[in-house]
Amino acid sequence: MKLALAQINPTVGDLPGNTRKIMDFISRAREQEADLVVFPELAITGYPPEDLLLKPQFISDNLASLKEIVKFSKGIAVYLGFVDRDRKGIYNAGAFIENGRLKKIYHKINLPNYAVFDEKRYFLPGETPAVINKIGLGICEDIWVKGGPYLAEVKLGAKLILNINASPYHEGKIKDRQKLLSKRARESRTPLVYVNMVGGQDELVFDGGSMMFNGQGRLLAAARQYEEELLLCHLGQAPIKAEWLEGEAEVYEALKLGVKDYVNKNGFRDVYIGVSGGIDSALTLAIAADALGKGRVHAVFMPSKFSSELSRKDARQVAKNLGVEFSEIPIDKIFEEYLANLAPSFGGREPNIAEENLQARIRGNTLMALSNKFGRLVLTTGNKSETSTGYCTLYGDMAGGFNVLKDVPKLLVYRLANWRNAEKAVIPESTITRPPTAELKADQTDQDTLPPYEALDPIMQAYVEENLGVKEIAARGFDEETVKKIVSLIDRSEYKRRQAPPGPRISPRAFGKDWRVPITNGYR
């Protein structure tokens, strides 16, 4: 049997566009004389469709799209994901089509309801394993759950297991998938085909990496990461060794794909980025330019009296190195007018964070005015360390449509900047080596307010991603008072994060879909 693994990038809700893409890949598979072409989970609707699933018309339209695909599939077999419906409710389903006829429908049995997944909110679970033409059908979580329907299907005579997926990325996950899938193939002693989605969808990034294994768990074929691909393969192939991206390379590509798809799928041509001469905005600028092309990225430097000449020089230099448009809009006059207007209300009190945040909000207003005037999306530049501790300004540096570094801790920001510079030096060395500063008052550095990032980042990771308590984190060698301070900052900053723009998820637990902490919360 000649197989075609159709690793596609659908858009949630774009039923006509997704249908055209599916038909195009079917045509390509047919031209290559494939016997069977396999698509990802919910390929027709895109994943996750979320509350679109509550609209009866959306379900009906998705079923109409399936009918079109069935008619189109003459001369080939197809397995793809869609939403099925009966009088009881709706199902995350797979359709097996053969020569223009719908031969079998499978309902996903194991519905994930953890992390970013909430399928039990929408779908009813299936009850019956499905085998057709000695092929066992499965969907995503069905292969992750030990003893899932794949074993029952082998007992029913399956000689091949198909598992279609919308498995989102986090760092290192591709290797976890390969290890588990190899184990499942060995357990069942049956060849296994795993087809994953690729592309960005709001916070989620789907990294592809579709695979095929023989019954001994040996990898026979692997699709590229982060790209659409029609991978042709057959079960008689010799085993291969996968060459997955690792470390900074895989994270950088995930961020690029997240930015590219968010901008393009939401209909924006260009983006604005407020650059400060600091490392966060420099890295954001580099990722955006690499993802979208230099002509679509516009850097805006907005100096105040606290901005250093080095900041101006570095901001201009990184834009020049990347070949993106650079403009400078000083904010001093506006800032002075704000202070004059507020002076009576401030009642002669000493300057504090209120005056600092005014500058950030003037910059946010400036970028949003440009966005409104030219229809360009603003990309914000705050990293996960700042977002977690509230070291960011509502309606200021948080103002925008998409936060590229939202799930990237500060130490990883440095590693990514150095990794990008190793390919071609675009971020000035002084941007990387100088102490990080918001430059909202004289001689300011981040460490005036925050603990060193060497402590902050691992403490944040332990609290946010591992759900550890203060005592457990301190037992790892951290000062307990420092741990308490960071945990307190994280707890108190939820109201800010709830109002923050989305950004690509690269960790096992990001602020967004899989972080649901109440704002009004008396537990400390």
Protein backbone atom coordinates (compact mmCIF):
# COMPACT_ATOMS: atom_id res chain seq x y z
CA MET A 1 0.00 0.00 0.00
CA LYS A 2 1.31 3.42 -0.98
CA LEU A 3 0.42 5.99 1.67
CA ALA A 4 0.29 9.77 1.51
CA LEU A 5 0.51 11.68 4.79
CA ALA A 6 -1.19 15.05 4.17
CA GLN A 7 0.30 17.36 6.81
CA ILE A 8 -1.80 20.46 6.16
CA ASN A 9 -2.25 23.91 7.73
CA PRO A 10 -6.01 24.57 7.96
CA THR A 11 -7.61 27.75 9.28
CA VAL A 12 -10.22 27.40 12.01
CA GLY A 13 -13.68 28.13 10.60
CA ASP A 14 -12.58 28.56 6.99
CA LEU A 15 -14.60 25.61 5.74
CA PRO A 16 -14.41 26.53 2.01
CA GLY A 17 -10.67 27.22 2.20
CA ASN A 18 -9.93 24.07 4.17
CA THR A 19 -12.04 22.02 1.75
CA ARG A 20 -10.12 23.40 -1.24
CA LYS A 21 -6.83 22.59 0.48
CA ILE A 22 -7.94 19.04 1.26
CA MET A 23 -9.04 18.52 -2.35
CA ASP A 24 -5.73 19.88 -3.61
CA PHE A 25 -3.79 17.41 -1.46
CA ILE A 26 -6.09 14.58 -2.58
CA SER A 27 -5.35 15.51 -6.20
CA ARG A 28 -1.62 15.54 -5.53
CA ALA A 29 -1.80 12.17 -3.77
CA ARG A 30 -3.81 10.73 -6.66
CA GLU A 31 -1.25 12.03 -9.17
CA GLN A 32 1.45 10.26 -7.17
CA GLU A 33 -0.61 7.06 -7.37
CA ALA A 34 -1.13 6.83 -3.62
CA ASP A 35 -3.67 4.26 -2.46
CA LEU A 36 -4.61 6.12 0.72
CA VAL A 37 -4.18 9.74 1.80
CA VAL A 38 -4.49 10.61 5.50
CA PHE A 39 -5.32 14.08 6.88
CA PRO A 40 -5.20 15.52 10.43
CA GLU A 41 -7.85 15.59 13.13
CA LEU A 42 -10.73 18.02 12.40
CA ALA A 43 -9.07 18.90 9.10
CA ILE A 44 -12.33 20.34 7.72
CA THR A 45 -13.00 22.71 10.63
CA GLY A 46 -9.48 23.42 11.83
CA TYR A 47 -8.46 22.87 15.45
CA PRO A 48 -9.63 23.89 17.99
CA PRO A 49 -12.97 25.22 16.71
CA GLU A 50 -14.01 25.99 20.30
CA ASP A 51 -17.47 27.60 20.59
CA LEU A 52 -18.03 27.49 16.85
CA LEU A 53 -19.08 23.95 17.74
CA LEU A 54 -22.07 25.37 19.61
CA LYS A 55 -23.48 26.78 16.35
CA PRO A 56 -25.73 24.22 14.59
CA GLN A 57 -25.16 25.93 11.23
CA PHE A 58 -21.38 25.46 11.60
CA ILE A 59 -21.88 21.73 12.12
CA SER A 60 -24.20 21.55 9.10
CA ASP A 61 -21.74 23.45 6.91
CA ASN A 62 -18.89 21.16 7.96
CA LEU A 63 -21.02 18.14 6.99
CA ALA A 64 -21.74 19.75 3.62
CA SER A 65 -17.98 20.16 3.12
CA LEU A 66 -17.50 16.48 3.89
CA LYS A 67 -20.02 15.57 1.16
CA GLU A 68 -18.04 17.64 -1.35
CA ILE A 69 -14.83 15.86 -0.38
CA VAL A 70 -16.47 12.43 -0.62
CA LYS A 71 -17.65 13.15 -4.19
CA PHE A 72 -14.18 14.41 -5.10
CA SER A 73 -12.36 11.32 -3.79
CA LYS A 74 -12.84 8.94 -6.70
CA GLY A 75 -9.92 6.63 -7.41
CA ILE A 76 -8.35 6.90 -3.95
CA ALA A 77 -9.03 6.20 -0.27
CA VAL A 78 -9.09 9.08 2.24
CA TYR A 79 -9.14 9.28 6.03
CA LEU A 80 -9.74 12.74 7.53
CA GLY A 81 -11.19 14.51 10.55
CA PHE A 82 -14.55 16.30 10.74
CA VAL A 83 -17.42 16.93 13.19
CA ASP A 84 -20.17 14.33 13.12
CA ARG A 85 -23.66 14.75 14.58
CA ASP A 86 -26.57 12.59 15.66
CA ARG A 87 -29.63 13.14 17.85
CA LYS A 88 -27.51 12.78 21.02
CA GLY A 89 -24.91 15.42 20.17
CA ILE A 90 -21.69 15.98 18.22
CA TYR A 91 -18.50 13.94 17.89
CA ASN A 92 -14.86 14.50 17.04
CA ALA A 93 -14.91 12.12 14.10
CA GLY A 94 -12.90 10.53 11.33
CA ALA A 95 -14.33 9.70 7.90
CA PHE A 96 -12.92 6.84 5.85
CA ILE A 97 -13.74 7.40 2.18
CA GLU A 98 -13.07 4.97 -0.64
CA ASN A 99 -13.47 5.71 -4.33
CA GLY A 100 -16.01 8.48 -3.82
CA ARG A 101 -18.07 6.72 -1.16
CA LEU A 102 -18.18 7.26 2.61
CA LYS A 103 -17.43 3.78 3.97
CA LYS A 104 -16.85 4.25 7.71
CA ILE A 105 -17.20 6.90 10.41
CA TYR A 106 -15.20 6.65 13.62
CA HIS A 107 -15.99 8.66 16.77
CA LYS A 108 -13.03 9.59 18.97
CA ILE A 109 -13.27 7.56 22.18
CA ASN A 110 -10.73 9.28 24.46
CA LEU A 111 -11.51 13.00 24.76
CA PRO A 112 -8.70 15.08 26.32
CA ASN A 113 -9.74 17.56 28.97
CA TYR A 114 -6.47 18.94 30.37
CA ALA A 115 -3.96 21.69 29.57
CA VAL A 116 -5.21 23.45 26.41
CA PHE A 117 -7.80 20.77 25.66
CA ASP A 118 -11.47 20.95 26.65
CA GLU A 119 -13.09 18.50 24.25
CA LYS A 120 -15.56 17.23 26.85
CA ARG A 121 -17.14 20.69 26.77
CA TYR A 122 -18.29 19.99 23.22
CA PHE A 123 -18.05 16.36 22.15
CA LEU A 124 -19.62 13.10 23.19
CA PRO A 125 -17.16 10.20 23.40
CA GLY A 126 -17.33 7.41 20.88
CA GLU A 127 -17.90 3.87 22.09
CA THR A 128 -16.81 1.51 19.34
CA PRO A 129 -13.38 0.81 17.81
CA ALA A 130 -13.45 0.88 14.01
CA VAL A 131 -11.72 -1.35 11.46
CA ILE A 132 -12.15 -1.20 7.68
CA ASN A 133 -10.13 -3.08 5.08
CA LYS A 134 -7.93 -4.34 7.95
CA ILE A 135 -7.15 -0.70 8.88
CA GLY A 136 -7.81 0.50 12.43
CA LEU A 137 -9.02 4.08 12.82
CA GLY A 138 -8.08 6.41 15.66
CA ILE A 139 -7.88 10.08 16.59
CA CYS A 140 -5.12 11.72 18.65
CA GLU A 141 -5.76 10.90 22.35
CA ASP A 142 -6.82 7.38 21.37
CA ILE A 143 -3.15 6.52 20.90
CA TRP A 144 -1.90 8.45 23.95
CA VAL A 145 -4.09 6.47 26.37
CA LYS A 146 -2.51 3.11 27.14
CA GLY A 147 -4.77 0.25 26.14
CA GLY A 148 -6.81 2.53 23.88
CA PRO A 149 -8.91 1.39 20.91
CA TYR A 150 -5.79 0.53 18.87
CA LEU A 151 -5.42 -2.77 20.78
CA ALA A 152 -9.07 -3.71 20.31
CA GLU A 153 -8.74 -2.93 16.60
CA VAL A 154 -5.76 -5.26 16.27
CA LYS A 155 -7.84 -8.04 17.85
CA LEU A 156 -10.53 -7.25 15.26
CA GLY A 157 -8.01 -7.88 12.49
CA ALA A 158 -6.34 -4.52 11.88
CA LYS A 159 -2.96 -4.79 10.13
CA LEU A 160 -2.38 -1.01 10.14
CA ILE A 161 -3.38 1.70 12.62
CA LEU A 162 -4.15 5.25 11.44
CA ASN A 163 -4.04 8.00 14.06
CA ILE A 164 -4.90 11.56 13.01
CA ASN A 165 -3.91 14.47 15.21
CA ALA A 166 -4.01 18.12 16.13
CA SER A 167 -1.18 17.93 18.65
CA PRO A 168 0.12 21.35 19.70
CA TYR A 169 3.77 22.12 20.18
CA HIS A 170 5.79 22.72 23.28
CA GLU A 171 9.54 22.50 23.55
CA GLY A 172 10.81 18.94 23.17
CA LYS A 173 7.36 17.43 22.49
CA ILE A 174 8.30 15.94 19.12
CA LYS A 175 10.70 13.52 20.82
CA ASP A 176 8.06 12.59 23.40
CA ARG A 177 5.66 11.80 20.56
CA GLN A 178 8.17 9.63 18.72
CA LYS A 179 8.99 7.68 21.87
CA LEU A 180 5.32 7.04 22.71
CA LEU A 181 4.27 6.17 19.17
CA SER A 182 7.14 3.72 18.82
CA LYS A 183 6.03 2.11 22.07
CA ARG A 184 2.43 1.81 20.87
CA ALA A 185 3.53 0.18 17.61
CA ARG A 186 5.57 -2.36 19.58
CA GLU A 187 2.71 -3.00 22.03
CA SER A 188 0.27 -3.73 19.22
CA ARG A 189 2.89 -5.31 16.93
CA THR A 190 1.20 -3.35 14.19
CA PRO A 191 2.43 -0.60 11.85
CA LEU A 192 1.26 2.84 12.93
CA VAL A 193 0.69 6.02 10.92
CA TYR A 194 0.55 9.31 12.82
CA VAL A 195 -0.52 12.45 10.90
CA ASN A 196 -0.29 15.81 12.66
CA MET A 197 -1.57 19.25 11.80
CA VAL A 198 0.81 22.14 11.17
CA GLY A 199 0.30 25.89 11.64
CA GLY A 200 -0.53 28.60 14.16
CA GLN A 201 -3.97 29.07 15.75
CA ASP A 202 -4.13 31.95 18.24
CA GLU A 203 -1.89 30.78 21.13
CA LEU A 204 -1.31 27.30 19.75
CA VAL A 205 1.36 26.20 17.32
CA PHE A 206 1.03 22.83 15.57
CA ASP A 207 4.47 21.62 14.53
CA GLY A 208 3.70 18.79 12.14
CA GLY A 209 6.29 16.02 12.30
CA SER A 210 3.97 13.30 10.98
CA MET A 211 5.45 9.79 11.25
CA MET A 212 5.10 6.16 10.22
CA PHE A 213 6.36 3.17 12.22
CA ASN A 214 6.60 -0.54 11.51
CA GLY A 215 5.32 -3.22 13.89
CA GLN A 216 8.66 -3.31 15.69
CA GLY A 217 8.39 0.40 16.53
CA ARG A 218 11.06 1.45 14.03
CA LEU A 219 10.57 4.84 12.37
CA LEU A 220 10.08 4.44 8.61
CA ALA A 221 9.14 7.98 7.53
CA ALA A 222 8.95 11.46 9.04
CA ALA A 223 7.54 14.72 7.69
CA ARG A 224 9.22 18.06 8.26
CA GLN A 225 8.41 20.25 11.24
CA TYR A 226 6.58 23.58 10.83
CA GLU A 227 5.78 23.08 7.12
CA GLU A 228 2.95 21.67 5.05
CA GLU A 229 3.97 18.47 3.30
CA LEU A 230 2.55 15.54 1.38
CA LEU A 231 4.77 12.69 2.57
CA LEU A 232 4.66 9.58 0.39
CA CYS A 233 5.68 6.33 2.05
CA HIS A 234 5.05 2.58 2.22
CA LEU A 235 5.44 -0.05 4.89
CA GLY A 236 8.32 -1.78 3.16
CA GLN A 237 10.66 1.19 3.60
CA ALA A 238 13.93 0.86 5.48
CA PRO A 239 14.02 2.46 8.95
CA ILE A 240 15.35 6.00 9.22
CA LYS A 241 16.67 8.27 11.96
CA ALA A 242 14.62 11.41 12.46
CA GLU A 243 16.47 14.71 12.41
CA TRP A 244 14.27 16.92 14.55
CA LEU A 245 15.11 20.49 15.44
CA GLU A 246 16.26 20.98 19.02
CA GLY A 247 16.67 23.71 21.60
CA GLU A 248 16.68 27.29 20.38
CA ALA A 249 16.21 26.23 16.75
CA GLU A 250 12.87 24.50 17.37
CA VAL A 251 11.60 27.31 19.63
CA TYR A 252 12.55 29.99 17.11
CA GLU A 253 10.76 28.18 14.28
CA ALA A 254 7.67 27.73 16.45
CA LEU A 255 7.60 31.45 17.24
CA LYS A 256 8.03 32.31 13.56
CA LEU A 257 5.14 30.06 12.55
CA GLY A 258 2.94 31.43 15.33
CA VAL A 259 3.56 35.01 14.20
CA LYS A 260 3.23 34.28 10.50
CA ASP A 261 -0.09 32.47 10.78
CA TYR A 262 -1.63 34.87 13.30
CA VAL A 263 -0.83 37.85 11.07
CA ASN A 264 -1.77 36.22 7.77
CA LYS A 265 -4.86 34.29 8.91
CA ASN A 266 -6.28 37.43 10.50
CA GLY A 267 -5.87 39.40 7.30
CA PHE A 268 -3.04 41.79 8.19
CA ARG A 269 -0.40 42.79 5.69
CA ASP A 270 2.12 44.60 7.92
CA VAL A 271 3.04 44.92 11.59
CA TYR A 272 4.37 47.63 13.91
CA ILE A 273 6.82 46.94 16.71
CA GLY A 274 7.85 49.48 19.29
CA VAL A 275 11.64 49.17 19.61
CA SER A 276 13.49 50.43 22.67
CA GLY A 277 17.08 49.39 22.11
CA GLY A 278 16.47 46.47 24.47
CA ILE A 279 16.80 42.77 23.81
CA ASP A 280 13.07 41.89 23.91
CA SER A 281 12.05 44.29 21.16
CA ALA A 282 15.16 43.43 19.14
CA LEU A 283 14.38 39.70 19.23
CA THR A 284 10.72 40.36 18.44
CA LEU A 285 11.77 42.44 15.44
CA ALA A 286 14.06 39.65 14.21
CA ILE A 287 11.38 36.97 14.55
CA ALA A 288 8.80 39.12 12.76
CA ALA A 289 11.17 39.97 9.91
CA ASP A 290 12.14 36.31 9.49
CA ALA A 291 8.48 35.21 9.63
CA LEU A 292 6.88 37.87 7.42
CA GLY A 293 9.69 39.37 5.35
CA LYS A 294 11.46 42.65 6.04
CA GLY A 295 9.10 44.74 3.90
CA ARG A 296 6.13 43.95 6.14
CA VAL A 297 7.73 44.98 9.43
CA HIS A 298 7.95 48.56 10.74
CA ALA A 299 10.02 49.55 13.78
CA VAL A 300 9.06 52.62 15.81
CA PHE A 301 11.43 54.17 18.38
CA MET A 302 9.67 56.51 20.85
CA PRO A 303 12.32 58.17 23.04
CA SER A 304 11.76 60.20 26.20
CA LYS A 305 14.25 62.22 28.23
CA PHE A 306 15.21 58.98 29.99
CA SER A 307 16.14 57.18 26.75
CA SER A 308 19.89 56.85 26.32
CA GLU A 309 21.83 57.50 23.15
CA LEU A 310 22.91 53.86 23.24
CA SER A 311 19.24 52.82 23.12
CA ARG A 312 18.64 55.03 20.08
CA LYS A 313 21.76 53.70 18.37
CA ASP A 314 20.93 50.02 19.06
CA ALA A 315 17.27 50.39 18.03
CA ARG A 316 18.27 51.98 14.75
CA GLN A 317 21.03 49.43 14.16
CA VAL A 318 18.89 46.31 14.62
CA ALA A 319 16.31 47.73 12.21
CA LYS A 320 19.05 48.49 9.68
CA ASN A 321 20.60 45.04 10.07
CA LEU A 322 17.22 43.40 9.40
CA GLY A 323 16.36 45.79 6.57
CA VAL A 324 13.06 46.93 8.13
CA GLU A 325 11.61 50.43 8.08
CA PHE A 326 12.63 52.58 11.10
CA SER A 327 10.92 55.70 12.36
CA GLU A 328 11.39 57.85 15.44
CA ILE A 329 8.53 59.59 17.28
CA PRO A 330 9.68 61.43 20.46
CA ILE A 331 7.19 61.48 23.33
CA ASP A 332 8.70 64.20 25.57
CA LYS A 333 6.28 66.99 24.62
CA ILE A 334 3.23 64.78 25.13
CA PHE A 335 4.67 63.54 28.44
CA GLU A 336 5.19 67.11 29.69
CA GLU A 337 1.63 68.04 28.73
CA TYR A 338 0.29 65.04 30.62
CA LEU A 339 2.29 66.03 33.71
CA ALA A 340 1.09 69.62 33.50
CA ASN A 341 -2.55 68.55 33.14
CA LEU A 342 -2.29 66.09 36.00
CA ALA A 343 -0.27 68.29 38.35
CA PRO A 344 -3.33 69.74 40.17
CA SER A 345 -4.78 66.26 40.66
CA PHE A 346 -1.45 64.78 41.77
CA GLY A 347 -1.33 67.41 44.51
CA GLY A 348 2.42 67.91 44.58
CA ARG A 349 3.22 64.28 45.41
CA GLU A 350 6.63 62.87 44.57
CA PRO A 351 6.97 61.13 41.18
CA ASN A 352 6.45 57.37 41.30
CA ILE A 353 5.24 54.55 39.10
CA ALA A 354 2.34 56.70 37.84
CA GLU A 355 4.72 58.96 35.91
CA GLU A 356 6.71 55.95 34.69
CA ASN A 357 3.62 54.23 33.34
CA LEU A 358 2.43 57.41 31.62
CA GLN A 359 5.37 57.08 29.24
CA ALA A 360 4.54 53.46 28.44
CA ARG A 361 0.90 54.41 27.80
CA ILE A 362 1.87 57.29 25.51
CA ARG A 363 3.93 54.81 23.50
CA GLY A 364 1.03 52.36 23.44
CA ASN A 365 -1.33 55.08 22.23
CA THR A 366 1.13 56.10 19.55
CA LEU A 367 1.47 52.57 18.19
CA MET A 368 -2.29 52.03 18.24
CA ALA A 369 -2.85 55.31 16.41
CA LEU A 370 -0.47 54.16 13.69
CA SER A 371 -2.23 50.79 13.65
CA ASN A 372 -5.63 52.44 13.17
CA LYS A 373 -4.36 54.79 10.49
CA PHE A 374 -2.58 52.18 8.36
CA GLY A 375 -4.39 48.95 9.29
CA ARG A 376 -1.25 47.27 10.60
CA LEU A 377 -1.10 44.91 13.57
CA VAL A 378 0.92 45.92 16.64
CA LEU A 379 3.18 43.17 17.98
CA THR A 380 4.02 43.60 21.66
CA THR A 381 7.37 42.64 23.11
CA GLY A 382 6.95 41.58 26.76
CA ASN A 383 8.50 38.27 27.82
CA LYS A 384 7.08 35.60 30.16
CA SER A 385 9.19 36.71 33.12
CA GLU A 386 7.70 40.20 32.88
CA THR A 387 4.17 39.01 32.19
CA SER A 388 4.24 36.60 35.12
CA THR A 389 5.40 39.19 37.66
CA GLY A 390 3.37 42.12 36.33
CA TYR A 391 6.46 44.02 35.20
CA CYS A 392 4.45 45.48 32.35
CA THR A 393 1.98 48.33 31.88
CA LEU A 394 -1.69 47.88 31.08
CA TYR A 395 -2.59 49.95 27.99
CA GLY A 396 1.12 50.70 27.58
CA ASP A 397 3.69 48.11 26.50
CA MET A 398 0.86 45.54 26.69
CA ALA A 399 -1.17 47.41 24.05
CA GLY A 400 -1.28 45.45 20.79
CA GLY A 401 -2.68 42.44 18.98
CA PHE A 402 -0.12 39.66 19.47
CA ASN A 403 2.71 39.13 21.95
CA VAL A 404 5.51 37.20 20.28
CA LEU A 405 7.51 36.48 23.47
CA LYS A 406 4.54 35.94 25.81
CA ASP A 407 5.67 32.42 26.73
CA VAL A 408 9.44 33.04 26.46
CA PRO A 409 11.28 33.56 29.79
CA LYS A 410 14.00 36.20 29.88
CA LEU A 411 16.93 33.79 29.99
CA LEU A 412 15.57 32.03 26.92
CA VAL A 413 15.26 35.45 25.24
CA TYR A 414 19.03 35.81 25.62
CA ARG A 415 19.67 32.30 24.28
CA LEU A 416 17.43 32.90 21.26
CA ALA A 417 19.12 36.23 20.54
CA ASN A 418 22.56 34.62 20.61
CA TRP A 419 21.32 31.70 18.50
CA ARG A 420 19.91 34.10 15.88
CA ASN A 421 23.12 36.09 15.85
CA ALA A 422 25.14 32.91 15.26
CA GLU A 423 23.35 32.57 11.91
CA LYS A 424 23.91 36.23 11.07
CA ALA A 425 24.66 39.00 13.57
CA VAL A 426 21.60 41.27 13.51
CA ILE A 427 21.11 42.15 17.19
CA PRO A 428 23.85 44.53 18.43
CA GLU A 429 26.13 43.00 21.04
CA SER A 430 25.52 45.96 23.36
CA THR A 431 21.80 45.17 23.29
CA ILE A 432 22.55 41.69 24.62
CA THR A 433 25.23 42.60 27.19
CA ARG A 434 23.82 45.78 28.77
CA PRO A 435 21.69 45.46 31.94
CA PRO A 436 17.99 45.26 30.95
CA THR A 437 16.06 48.47 31.64
CA ALA A 438 12.65 49.98 30.91
CA GLU A 439 14.22 53.50 30.90
CA LEU A 440 11.17 55.08 32.52
CA LYS A 441 13.28 56.95 35.07
CA ALA A 442 16.92 57.88 35.50
CA ASP A 443 19.45 55.04 35.96
CA GLN A 444 16.73 52.38 36.04
CA THR A 445 17.34 48.65 35.62
CA ASP A 446 14.97 45.68 35.85
CA GLN A 447 16.79 44.44 38.93
CA ASP A 448 15.75 47.55 40.87
CA THR A 449 12.31 45.88 41.08
CA LEU A 450 12.80 42.22 40.18
CA PRO A 451 15.14 39.54 41.50
CA PRO A 452 17.90 38.48 39.06
CA TYR A 453 16.47 36.50 36.14
CA GLU A 454 18.75 33.59 37.05
CA ALA A 455 16.51 33.14 40.10
CA LEU A 456 13.24 34.51 38.75
CA ASP A 457 12.94 32.25 35.72
CA PRO A 458 13.40 28.85 37.41
CA ILE A 459 11.18 29.90 40.32
CA MET A 460 8.50 31.06 37.89
CA GLN A 461 8.76 27.81 35.94
CA ALA A 462 8.43 25.72 39.10
CA TYR A 463 5.36 27.68 40.26
CA VAL A 464 3.57 28.18 36.92
CA GLU A 465 4.48 25.07 34.95
CA GLU A 466 4.99 22.54 37.77
CA ASN A 467 2.45 23.87 40.33
CA LEU A 468 4.99 23.64 43.16
CA GLY A 469 4.54 25.53 46.43
CA VAL A 470 6.92 27.93 48.16
CA LYS A 471 8.54 25.31 50.42
CA GLU A 472 9.06 22.88 47.53
CA ILE A 473 10.65 25.58 45.35
CA ALA A 474 12.89 26.82 48.16
CA ALA A 475 14.05 23.23 48.68
CA ARG A 476 15.64 23.43 45.24
CA GLY A 477 18.17 25.86 46.65
CA PHE A 478 16.41 29.23 46.32
CA ASP A 479 16.11 31.82 49.06
CA GLU A 480 12.66 31.41 50.57
CA GLU A 481 11.97 35.15 50.80
CA THR A 482 12.85 35.52 47.12
CA VAL A 483 10.49 32.66 46.28
CA LYS A 484 7.70 34.28 48.31
CA LYS A 485 8.22 37.61 46.55
CA ILE A 486 8.06 36.08 43.06
CA VAL A 487 5.05 33.90 43.88
CA SER A 488 3.26 36.93 45.34
CA LEU A 489 3.98 38.99 42.21
CA ILE A 490 2.64 36.19 40.01
CA ASP A 491 -0.53 35.82 42.09
CA ARG A 492 -1.23 39.55 42.17
CA SER A 493 -0.72 40.11 38.43
CA GLU A 494 -3.49 37.91 37.07
CA TYR A 495 -5.72 40.92 36.33
CA LYS A 496 -3.07 42.20 33.93
CA ARG A 497 -2.54 38.88 32.17
CA ARG A 498 -6.28 38.51 31.63
CA GLN A 499 -6.15 41.69 29.52
CA ALA A 500 -2.98 40.82 27.62
CA PRO A 501 -2.88 39.91 23.91
CA PRO A 502 -2.40 36.26 22.93
CA GLY A 503 1.01 34.87 22.06
CA PRO A 504 2.48 31.55 20.87
CA ARG A 505 2.67 28.75 23.44
CA ILE A 506 6.08 27.06 23.61
CA SER A 507 6.03 25.62 27.15
CA PRO A 508 3.94 22.85 28.74
CA ARG A 509 1.92 25.56 30.52
CA ALA A 510 1.53 29.06 29.16
CA PHE A 511 -0.52 32.01 30.34
CA GLY A 512 -3.70 31.72 28.30
CA LYS A 513 -5.74 28.63 27.45
CA ASP A 514 -4.14 26.37 30.05
CA TRP A 515 -3.79 28.93 32.88
CA ARG A 516 -7.16 29.68 34.47
CA VAL A 517 -6.55 31.33 37.82
CA PRO A 518 -9.31 33.53 39.30
CA ILE A 519 -8.56 37.25 39.49
CA THR A 520 -10.61 37.69 42.65
CA ASN A 521 -8.72 35.18 44.73
CA GLY A 522 -8.06 35.14 48.47
CA TYR A 523 -5.70 32.15 48.42
CA ARG A 524 -2.01 32.91 48.85
